[in-house]
Amino acid sequence: MSDERAERIAEFIAPLRVKPGSEVDLSTDFDPGFKAGIGGKEDGQELLRPVSRCWPTTSGGRPPKTHTGC
């Protein structure tokens, strides 16, 4: 994994981390509008492009329910 990619992942998950022992109430602590800097579908597709070749697809073009990955 490139340093840039690892850094992007770390930035993405930082606000989602919860300290051990703390409680989470999704009705108040979860923002369904949070996009982590991903502006739209095109940005998400670009972010996933390097790993998408690792995903097998079903005949409908969707990923299967389970797979072993790359």
PDB file of N, CA and C in Angstrom:
ATOM      1  N   MET A   1       0.847  -1.168   0.000  1.00  0.00           N
ATOM      2  CA  MET A   1       0.000   0.000   0.000  1.00  0.00           C
ATOM      3  C   MET A   1       0.894   1.233   0.000  1.00  0.00           C
ATOM      4  N   SER A   2       0.557   2.190  -0.844  1.00  0.00           N
ATOM      5  CA  SER A   2       1.366   3.401  -0.903  1.00  0.00           C
ATOM      6  C   SER A   2       1.164   4.236   0.354  1.00  0.00           C
ATOM      7  N   ASP A   3       2.176   5.041   0.657  1.00  0.00           N
ATOM      8  CA  ASP A   3       2.083   5.920   1.829  1.00  0.00           C
ATOM      9  C   ASP A   3       0.904   6.883   1.699  1.00  0.00           C
ATOM     10  N   GLU A   4       0.689   7.376   0.481  1.00  0.00           N
ATOM     11  CA  GLU A   4      -0.410   8.316   0.250  1.00  0.00           C
ATOM     12  C   GLU A   4      -1.760   7.647   0.528  1.00  0.00           C
ATOM     13  N   ARG A   5      -1.897   6.415   0.079  1.00  0.00           N
ATOM     14  CA  ARG A   5      -3.153   5.682   0.294  1.00  0.00           C
ATOM     15  C   ARG A   5      -3.350   5.390   1.784  1.00  0.00           C
ATOM     16  N   ALA A   6      -2.293   4.963   2.465  1.00  0.00           N
ATOM     17  CA  ALA A   6      -2.377   4.679   3.900  1.00  0.00           C
ATOM     18  C   ALA A   6      -2.747   5.944   4.669  1.00  0.00           C
ATOM     19  N   GLU A   7      -2.189   7.066   4.254  1.00  0.00           N
ATOM     20  CA  GLU A   7      -2.493   8.341   4.907  1.00  0.00           C
ATOM     21  C   GLU A   7      -3.955   8.726   4.683  1.00  0.00           C
ATOM     22  N   ARG A   8      -4.441   8.503   3.474  1.00  0.00           N
ATOM     23  CA  ARG A   8      -5.848   8.822   3.166  1.00  0.00           C
ATOM     24  C   ARG A   8      -6.790   7.961   4.006  1.00  0.00           C
ATOM     25  N   ILE A   9      -6.461   6.692   4.151  1.00  0.00           N
ATOM     26  CA  ILE A   9      -7.279   5.794   4.969  1.00  0.00           C
ATOM     27  C   ILE A   9      -7.259   6.245   6.423  1.00  0.00           C
ATOM     28  N   ALA A  10      -6.072   6.587   6.930  1.00  0.00           N
ATOM     29  CA  ALA A  10      -5.949   7.039   8.321  1.00  0.00           C
ATOM     30  C   ALA A  10      -6.769   8.304   8.559  1.00  0.00           C
ATOM     31  N   GLU A  11      -6.745   9.237   7.598  1.00  0.00           N
ATOM     32  CA  GLU A  11      -7.531  10.465   7.717  1.00  0.00           C
ATOM     33  C   GLU A  11      -9.026  10.161   7.705  1.00  0.00           C
ATOM     34  N   PHE A  12      -9.413   9.177   6.908  1.00  0.00           N
ATOM     35  CA  PHE A  12     -10.822   8.818   6.801  1.00  0.00           C
ATOM     36  C   PHE A  12     -11.358   8.222   8.100  1.00  0.00           C
ATOM     37  N   ILE A  13     -10.581   7.331   8.713  1.00  0.00           N
ATOM     38  CA  ILE A  13     -11.089   6.642   9.903  1.00  0.00           C
ATOM     39  C   ILE A  13     -10.890   7.419  11.201  1.00  0.00           C
ATOM     40  N   ALA A  14     -10.031   8.424  11.206  1.00  0.00           N
ATOM     41  CA  ALA A  14      -9.746   9.171  12.441  1.00  0.00           C
ATOM     42  C   ALA A  14     -11.011   9.681  13.143  1.00  0.00           C
ATOM     43  N   PRO A  15     -11.935  10.334  12.441  1.00  0.00           N
ATOM     44  CA  PRO A  15     -13.119  10.826  13.150  1.00  0.00           C
ATOM     45  C   PRO A  15     -14.108   9.723  13.541  1.00  0.00           C
ATOM     46  N   LEU A  16     -13.895   8.521  13.038  1.00  0.00           N
ATOM     47  CA  LEU A  16     -14.807   7.414  13.336  1.00  0.00           C
ATOM     48  C   LEU A  16     -14.352   6.571  14.523  1.00  0.00           C
ATOM     49  N   ARG A  17     -13.132   6.795  14.987  1.00  0.00           N
ATOM     50  CA  ARG A  17     -12.601   5.998  16.098  1.00  0.00           C
ATOM     51  C   ARG A  17     -13.304   6.330  17.406  1.00  0.00           C
ATOM     52  N   VAL A  18     -13.475   5.306  18.218  1.00  0.00           N
ATOM     53  CA  VAL A  18     -14.117   5.452  19.525  1.00  0.00           C
ATOM     54  C   VAL A  18     -13.140   4.946  20.569  1.00  0.00           C
ATOM     55  N   LYS A  19     -12.961   5.712  21.632  1.00  0.00           N
ATOM     56  CA  LYS A  19     -12.039   5.301  22.694  1.00  0.00           C
ATOM     57  C   LYS A  19     -12.566   4.043  23.381  1.00  0.00           C
ATOM     58  N   PRO A  20     -11.672   3.106  23.710  1.00  0.00           N
ATOM     59  CA  PRO A  20     -12.097   1.889  24.402  1.00  0.00           C
ATOM     60  C   PRO A  20     -12.855   2.226  25.689  1.00  0.00           C
ATOM     61  N   GLY A  21     -13.942   1.521  25.917  1.00  0.00           N
ATOM     62  CA  GLY A  21     -14.733   1.726  27.121  1.00  0.00           C
ATOM     63  C   GLY A  21     -15.804   2.796  27.002  1.00  0.00           C
ATOM     64  N   SER A  22     -15.769   3.583  25.925  1.00  0.00           N
ATOM     65  CA  SER A  22     -16.791   4.617  25.777  1.00  0.00           C
ATOM     66  C   SER A  22     -18.044   4.021  25.135  1.00  0.00           C
ATOM     67  N   GLU A  23     -19.149   4.728  25.276  1.00  0.00           N
ATOM     68  CA  GLU A  23     -20.413   4.266  24.715  1.00  0.00           C
ATOM     69  C   GLU A  23     -20.752   5.081  23.473  1.00  0.00           C
ATOM     70  N   VAL A  24     -21.416   4.428  22.532  1.00  0.00           N
ATOM     71  CA  VAL A  24     -21.825   5.079  21.293  1.00  0.00           C
ATOM     72  C   VAL A  24     -23.333   4.924  21.149  1.00  0.00           C
ATOM     73  N   ASP A  25     -23.996   6.015  20.861  1.00  0.00           N
ATOM     74  CA  ASP A  25     -25.427   5.997  20.578  1.00  0.00           C
ATOM     75  C   ASP A  25     -25.580   6.460  19.131  1.00  0.00           C
ATOM     76  N   LEU A  26     -25.819   5.524  18.230  1.00  0.00           N
ATOM     77  CA  LEU A  26     -25.864   5.870  16.815  1.00  0.00           C
ATOM     78  C   LEU A  26     -26.950   6.887  16.484  1.00  0.00           C
ATOM     79  N   SER A  27     -27.994   6.949  17.283  1.00  0.00           N
ATOM     80  CA  SER A  27     -29.057   7.918  16.995  1.00  0.00           C
ATOM     81  C   SER A  27     -28.582   9.356  17.193  1.00  0.00           C
ATOM     82  N   THR A  28     -27.524   9.557  17.994  1.00  0.00           N
ATOM     83  CA  THR A  28     -27.006  10.913  18.209  1.00  0.00           C
ATOM     84  C   THR A  28     -25.555  11.072  17.770  1.00  0.00           C
ATOM     85  N   ASP A  29     -24.791   9.989  17.712  1.00  0.00           N
ATOM     86  CA  ASP A  29     -23.359  10.076  17.423  1.00  0.00           C
ATOM     87  C   ASP A  29     -23.006   9.826  15.959  1.00  0.00           C
ATOM     88  N   PHE A  30     -23.954   9.400  15.150  1.00  0.00           N
ATOM     89  CA  PHE A  30     -23.685   9.043  13.760  1.00  0.00           C
ATOM     90  C   PHE A  30     -24.289  10.083  12.830  1.00  0.00           C
ATOM     91  N   ASP A  31     -23.482  10.599  11.910  1.00  0.00           N
ATOM     92  CA  ASP A  31     -23.961  11.561  10.924  1.00  0.00           C
ATOM     93  C   ASP A  31     -24.047  10.861   9.575  1.00  0.00           C
ATOM     94  N   PRO A  32     -25.235  10.510   9.094  1.00  0.00           N
ATOM     95  CA  PRO A  32     -25.356   9.796   7.824  1.00  0.00           C
ATOM     96  C   PRO A  32     -24.912  10.630   6.625  1.00  0.00           C
ATOM     97  N   GLY A  33     -24.742  11.937   6.807  1.00  0.00           N
ATOM     98  CA  GLY A  33     -24.291  12.793   5.720  1.00  0.00           C
ATOM     99  C   GLY A  33     -22.778  12.919   5.622  1.00  0.00           C
ATOM    100  N   PHE A  34     -22.029  12.290   6.549  1.00  0.00           N
ATOM    101  CA  PHE A  34     -20.565  12.373   6.553  1.00  0.00           C
ATOM    102  C   PHE A  34     -19.999  11.739   5.290  1.00  0.00           C
ATOM    103  N   LYS A  35     -19.174  12.495   4.551  1.00  0.00           N
ATOM    104  CA  LYS A  35     -18.627  11.996   3.290  1.00  0.00           C
ATOM    105  C   LYS A  35     -17.110  11.943   3.259  1.00  0.00           C
ATOM    106  N   ALA A  36     -16.445  12.388   4.298  1.00  0.00           N
ATOM    107  CA  ALA A  36     -14.985  12.311   4.411  1.00  0.00           C
ATOM    108  C   ALA A  36     -14.254  12.859   3.193  1.00  0.00           C
ATOM    109  N   GLY A  37     -14.753  13.940   2.633  1.00  0.00           N
ATOM    110  CA  GLY A  37     -14.072  14.557   1.504  1.00  0.00           C
ATOM    111  C   GLY A  37     -14.355  13.908   0.163  1.00  0.00           C
ATOM    112  N   ILE A  38     -15.205  12.891   0.138  1.00  0.00           N
ATOM    113  CA  ILE A  38     -15.576  12.267  -1.129  1.00  0.00           C
ATOM    114  C   ILE A  38     -16.788  13.038  -1.637  1.00  0.00           C
ATOM    115  N   GLY A  39     -16.557  13.830  -2.689  1.00  0.00           N
ATOM    116  CA  GLY A  39     -17.582  14.743  -3.158  1.00  0.00           C
ATOM    117  C   GLY A  39     -18.742  14.105  -3.886  1.00  0.00           C
ATOM    118  N   GLY A  40     -18.487  13.045  -4.594  1.00  0.00           N
ATOM    119  CA  GLY A  40     -19.560  12.420  -5.360  1.00  0.00           C
ATOM    120  C   GLY A  40     -19.171  11.033  -5.817  1.00  0.00           C
ATOM    121  N   LYS A  41     -20.018  10.470  -6.643  1.00  0.00           N
ATOM    122  CA  LYS A  41     -19.816   9.106  -7.120  1.00  0.00           C
ATOM    123  C   LYS A  41     -18.474   8.965  -7.851  1.00  0.00           C
ATOM    124  N   GLU A  42     -18.114   9.963  -8.646  1.00  0.00           N
ATOM    125  CA  GLU A  42     -16.863   9.896  -9.407  1.00  0.00           C
ATOM    126  C   GLU A  42     -15.652   9.816  -8.479  1.00  0.00           C
ATOM    127  N   ASP A  43     -15.673  10.590  -7.392  1.00  0.00           N
ATOM    128  CA  ASP A  43     -14.571  10.558  -6.427  1.00  0.00           C
ATOM    129  C   ASP A  43     -14.464   9.183  -5.778  1.00  0.00           C
ATOM    130  N   GLY A  44     -15.599   8.598  -5.432  1.00  0.00           N
ATOM    131  CA  GLY A  44     -15.608   7.271  -4.827  1.00  0.00           C
ATOM    132  C   GLY A  44     -15.100   6.216  -5.786  1.00  0.00           C
ATOM    133  N   GLN A  45     -15.507   6.317  -7.051  1.00  0.00           N
ATOM    134  CA  GLN A  45     -15.047   5.360  -8.055  1.00  0.00           C
ATOM    135  C   GLN A  45     -13.537   5.469  -8.247  1.00  0.00           C
ATOM    136  N   GLU A  46     -13.032   6.687  -8.272  1.00  0.00           N
ATOM    137  CA  GLU A  46     -11.589   6.894  -8.427  1.00  0.00           C
ATOM    138  C   GLU A  46     -10.832   6.299  -7.246  1.00  0.00           C
ATOM    139  N   LEU A  47     -11.354   6.477  -6.042  1.00  0.00           N
ATOM    140  CA  LEU A  47     -10.716   5.941  -4.846  1.00  0.00           C
ATOM    141  C   LEU A  47     -10.700   4.412  -4.864  1.00  0.00           C
ATOM    142  N   LEU A  48     -11.748   3.796  -5.385  1.00  0.00           N
ATOM    143  CA  LEU A  48     -11.852   2.333  -5.404  1.00  0.00           C
ATOM    144  C   LEU A  48     -11.195   1.678  -6.617  1.00  0.00           C
ATOM    145  N   ARG A  49     -10.884   2.440  -7.650  1.00  0.00           N
ATOM    146  CA  ARG A  49     -10.346   1.867  -8.886  1.00  0.00           C
ATOM    147  C   ARG A  49      -9.137   0.949  -8.666  1.00  0.00           C
ATOM    148  N   PRO A  50      -8.145   1.319  -7.853  1.00  0.00           N
ATOM    149  CA  PRO A  50      -6.972   0.435  -7.693  1.00  0.00           C
ATOM    150  C   PRO A  50      -7.298  -0.937  -7.102  1.00  0.00           C
ATOM    151  N   VAL A  51      -8.331  -1.032  -6.291  1.00  0.00           N
ATOM    152  CA  VAL A  51      -8.641  -2.321  -5.668  1.00  0.00           C
ATOM    153  C   VAL A  51      -9.802  -3.039  -6.335  1.00  0.00           C
ATOM    154  N   SER A  52     -10.532  -2.372  -7.208  1.00  0.00           N
ATOM    155  CA  SER A  52     -11.720  -2.983  -7.794  1.00  0.00           C
ATOM    156  C   SER A  52     -11.383  -4.194  -8.652  1.00  0.00           C
ATOM    157  N   ARG A  53     -10.185  -4.256  -9.194  1.00  0.00           N
ATOM    158  CA  ARG A  53      -9.807  -5.422  -9.996  1.00  0.00           C
ATOM    159  C   ARG A  53      -9.680  -6.675  -9.135  1.00  0.00           C
ATOM    160  N   CYS A  54      -9.608  -6.514  -7.823  1.00  0.00           N
ATOM    161  CA  CYS A  54      -9.488  -7.645  -6.906  1.00  0.00           C
ATOM    162  C   CYS A  54     -10.833  -8.288  -6.615  1.00  0.00           C
ATOM    163  N   TRP A  55     -11.920  -7.603  -6.947  1.00  0.00           N
ATOM    164  CA  TRP A  55     -13.244  -8.088  -6.579  1.00  0.00           C
ATOM    165  C   TRP A  55     -13.852  -8.921  -7.691  1.00  0.00           C
ATOM    166  N   PRO A  56     -14.173 -10.166  -7.411  1.00  0.00           N
ATOM    167  CA  PRO A  56     -14.907 -10.945  -8.416  1.00  0.00           C
ATOM    168  C   PRO A  56     -16.332 -10.400  -8.495  1.00  0.00           C
ATOM    169  N   THR A  57     -17.014 -10.631  -9.590  1.00  0.00           N
ATOM    170  CA  THR A  57     -18.387 -10.161  -9.704  1.00  0.00           C
ATOM    171  C   THR A  57     -19.316 -11.321 -10.020  1.00  0.00           C
ATOM    172  N   THR A  58     -20.582 -11.136  -9.728  1.00  0.00           N
ATOM    173  CA  THR A  58     -21.599 -12.120 -10.077  1.00  0.00           C
ATOM    174  C   THR A  58     -22.046 -11.835 -11.499  1.00  0.00           C
ATOM    175  N   SER A  59     -22.924 -12.650 -12.029  1.00  0.00           N
ATOM    176  CA  SER A  59     -23.401 -12.429 -13.394  1.00  0.00           C
ATOM    177  C   SER A  59     -24.139 -11.098 -13.523  1.00  0.00           C
ATOM    178  N   GLY A  60     -24.654 -10.564 -12.422  1.00  0.00           N
ATOM    179  CA  GLY A  60     -25.329  -9.269 -12.453  1.00  0.00           C
ATOM    180  C   GLY A  60     -24.379  -8.098 -12.314  1.00  0.00           C
ATOM    181  N   GLY A  61     -23.061  -8.354 -12.236  1.00  0.00           N
ATOM    182  CA  GLY A  61     -22.078  -7.291 -12.109  1.00  0.00           C
ATOM    183  C   GLY A  61     -21.846  -6.833 -10.687  1.00  0.00           C
ATOM    184  N   ARG A  62     -22.499  -7.476  -9.725  1.00  0.00           N
ATOM    185  CA  ARG A  62     -22.334  -7.115  -8.320  1.00  0.00           C
ATOM    186  C   ARG A  62     -21.302  -8.026  -7.672  1.00  0.00           C
ATOM    187  N   PRO A  63     -20.634  -7.545  -6.625  1.00  0.00           N
ATOM    188  CA  PRO A  63     -19.712  -8.431  -5.914  1.00  0.00           C
ATOM    189  C   PRO A  63     -20.494  -9.541  -5.219  1.00  0.00           C
ATOM    190  N   PRO A  64     -19.911 -10.734  -5.102  1.00  0.00           N
ATOM    191  CA  PRO A  64     -20.596 -11.810  -4.386  1.00  0.00           C
ATOM    192  C   PRO A  64     -20.685 -11.485  -2.899  1.00  0.00           C
ATOM    193  N   LYS A  65     -21.524 -12.219  -2.165  1.00  0.00           N
ATOM    194  CA  LYS A  65     -21.692 -11.951  -0.737  1.00  0.00           C
ATOM    195  C   LYS A  65     -20.409 -12.217   0.037  1.00  0.00           C
ATOM    196  N   THR A  66     -19.628 -13.194  -0.382  1.00  0.00           N
ATOM    197  CA  THR A  66     -18.342 -13.469   0.268  1.00  0.00           C
ATOM    198  C   THR A  66     -17.299 -13.755  -0.804  1.00  0.00           C
ATOM    199  N   HIS A  67     -16.065 -13.379  -0.528  1.00  0.00           N
ATOM    200  CA  HIS A  67     -14.943 -13.718  -1.406  1.00  0.00           C
ATOM    201  C   HIS A  67     -13.662 -13.598  -0.605  1.00  0.00           C
ATOM    202  N   THR A  68     -12.582 -14.113  -1.166  1.00  0.00           N
ATOM    203  CA  THR A  68     -11.321 -14.130  -0.434  1.00  0.00           C
ATOM    204  C   THR A  68     -10.480 -12.891  -0.667  1.00  0.00           C
ATOM    205  N   GLY A  69     -10.852 -12.020  -1.598  1.00  0.00           N
ATOM    206  CA  GLY A  69     -10.073 -10.808  -1.859  1.00  0.00           C
ATOM    207  C   GLY A  69      -8.883 -11.084  -2.749  1.00  0.00           C
ATOM    208  N   CYS A  70      -7.915 -10.164  -2.753  1.00  0.00           N
ATOM    209  CA  CYS A  70      -6.720 -10.297  -3.598  1.00  0.00           C
ATOM    210  C   CYS A  70      -5.725 -11.246  -2.991  1.00  0.00           C
TER     211      CYS A  70
END
